[in-house]
C-alpha atoms as a PDB file:
ATOM      1  CA  MET A   1       5.438 -17.648  -8.111  1.00  0.00           C
ATOM      2  CA  THR A   2       5.364 -13.956  -8.722  1.00  0.00           C
ATOM      3  CA  LYS A   3       3.731 -11.688  -6.170  1.00  0.00           C
ATOM      4  CA  THR A   4       1.887  -8.555  -7.067  1.00  0.00           C
ATOM      5  CA  LEU A   5       2.201  -5.466  -4.788  1.00  0.00           C
ATOM      6  CA  ILE A   6      -0.485  -2.851  -4.797  1.00  0.00           C
ATOM      7  CA  LEU A   7       0.491   0.396  -3.078  1.00  0.00           C
ATOM      8  CA  LEU A   8      -2.429   2.606  -1.961  1.00  0.00           C
ATOM      9  CA  PHE A   9      -1.829   6.313  -1.567  1.00  0.00           C
ATOM     10  CA  PRO A  10      -5.357   7.767  -0.994  1.00  0.00           C
ATOM     11  CA  PRO A  11      -5.476  10.750   1.485  1.00  0.00           C
ATOM     12  CA  ASP A  12      -8.195   8.917   3.441  1.00  0.00           C
ATOM     13  CA  LEU A  13      -8.981   5.402   2.354  1.00  0.00           C
ATOM     14  CA  ALA A  14     -12.009   5.074   4.601  1.00  0.00           C
ATOM     15  CA  HIS A  15     -13.753   7.784   2.749  1.00  0.00           C
ATOM     16  CA  SER A  16     -13.099   6.191  -0.708  1.00  0.00           C
ATOM     17  CA  LYS A  17     -15.797   3.453  -1.388  1.00  0.00           C
ATOM     18  CA  ALA A  18     -14.235   2.502  -4.701  1.00  0.00           C
ATOM     19  CA  ASN A  19     -10.665   2.254  -3.415  1.00  0.00           C
ATOM     20  CA  VAL A  20     -11.897   0.277  -0.362  1.00  0.00           C
ATOM     21  CA  ALA A  21     -13.735  -2.178  -2.535  1.00  0.00           C
ATOM     22  CA  LEU A  22     -10.914  -2.587  -5.031  1.00  0.00           C
ATOM     23  CA  ALA A  23      -8.343  -3.002  -2.286  1.00  0.00           C
ATOM     24  CA  ALA A  24     -10.532  -5.648  -0.411  1.00  0.00           C
ATOM     25  CA  ALA A  25     -11.170  -7.622  -3.636  1.00  0.00           C
ATOM     26  CA  ALA A  26      -7.429  -7.520  -4.555  1.00  0.00           C
ATOM     27  CA  ALA A  27      -6.339  -8.664  -1.083  1.00  0.00           C
ATOM     28  CA  LYS A  28      -8.371 -11.766  -1.489  1.00  0.00           C
ATOM     29  CA  LEU A  29      -6.457 -12.854  -4.592  1.00  0.00           C
ATOM     30  CA  PRO A  30      -3.608 -15.230  -4.038  1.00  0.00           C
ATOM     31  CA  ALA A  31      -0.103 -13.767  -4.216  1.00  0.00           C
ATOM     32  CA  VAL A  32      -1.432 -10.238  -3.956  1.00  0.00           C
ATOM     33  CA  GLU A  33      -0.279  -7.846  -1.242  1.00  0.00           C
ATOM     34  CA  VAL A  34      -2.255  -4.518  -0.651  1.00  0.00           C
ATOM     35  CA  VAL A  35      -0.349  -1.885   1.300  1.00  0.00           C
ATOM     36  CA  ASP A  36      -2.129   1.465   2.580  1.00  0.00           C
ATOM     37  CA  MET A  37       0.863   3.570   2.553  1.00  0.00           C
ATOM     38  CA  PRO A  38      -0.674   6.574   4.464  1.00  0.00           C
ATOM     39  CA  ALA A  39      -1.468   4.119   7.339  1.00  0.00           C
ATOM     40  CA  ILE A  40       2.201   3.190   7.515  1.00  0.00           C
ATOM     41  CA  TYR A  41       3.468   6.828   6.988  1.00  0.00           C
ATOM     42  CA  PRO A  42       0.792   9.277   8.486  1.00  0.00           C
ATOM     43  CA  ASP A  43       3.023  12.075   8.095  1.00  0.00           C
ATOM     44  CA  GLY A  44       4.044  11.192   4.624  1.00  0.00           C
ATOM     45  CA  ILE A  45       7.094   9.410   3.202  1.00  0.00           C
ATOM     46  CA  ASP A  46      10.354  11.210   3.360  1.00  0.00           C
ATOM     47  CA  ILE A  47      12.341   9.500   0.447  1.00  0.00           C
ATOM     48  CA  SER A  48      15.587  10.490   1.910  1.00  0.00           C
ATOM     49  CA  LYS A  49      14.843   8.980   5.298  1.00  0.00           C
ATOM     50  CA  ASP A  50      12.397   6.144   4.551  1.00  0.00           C
ATOM     51  CA  GLY A  51      13.267   5.302   0.852  1.00  0.00           C
ATOM     52  CA  GLU A  52      16.065   2.721   1.663  1.00  0.00           C
ATOM     53  CA  ARG A  53      14.040   1.023   4.582  1.00  0.00           C
ATOM     54  CA  GLU A  54      10.981   0.894   2.207  1.00  0.00           C
ATOM     55  CA  ALA A  55      13.010  -0.455  -0.694  1.00  0.00           C
ATOM     56  CA  LEU A  56      14.255  -3.278   1.645  1.00  0.00           C
ATOM     57  CA  ARG A  57      10.766  -4.179   2.845  1.00  0.00           C
ATOM     58  CA  LEU A  58       9.360  -4.184  -0.498  1.00  0.00           C
ATOM     59  CA  LEU A  59      11.931  -6.064  -2.393  1.00  0.00           C
END
């Protein structure tokens, strides 16, 4: 089965009613993973430092 990955990059997800609603609905679907990237990387992603680790986690 194929899994769908949705990466969210809003500056503040709590203040985006549309993104919150869409993410919540998508997360209820089978084989869908929704990831709030700013929650994982509050200081932003450094592709040089975090890229390899994130690629391994996502693949």
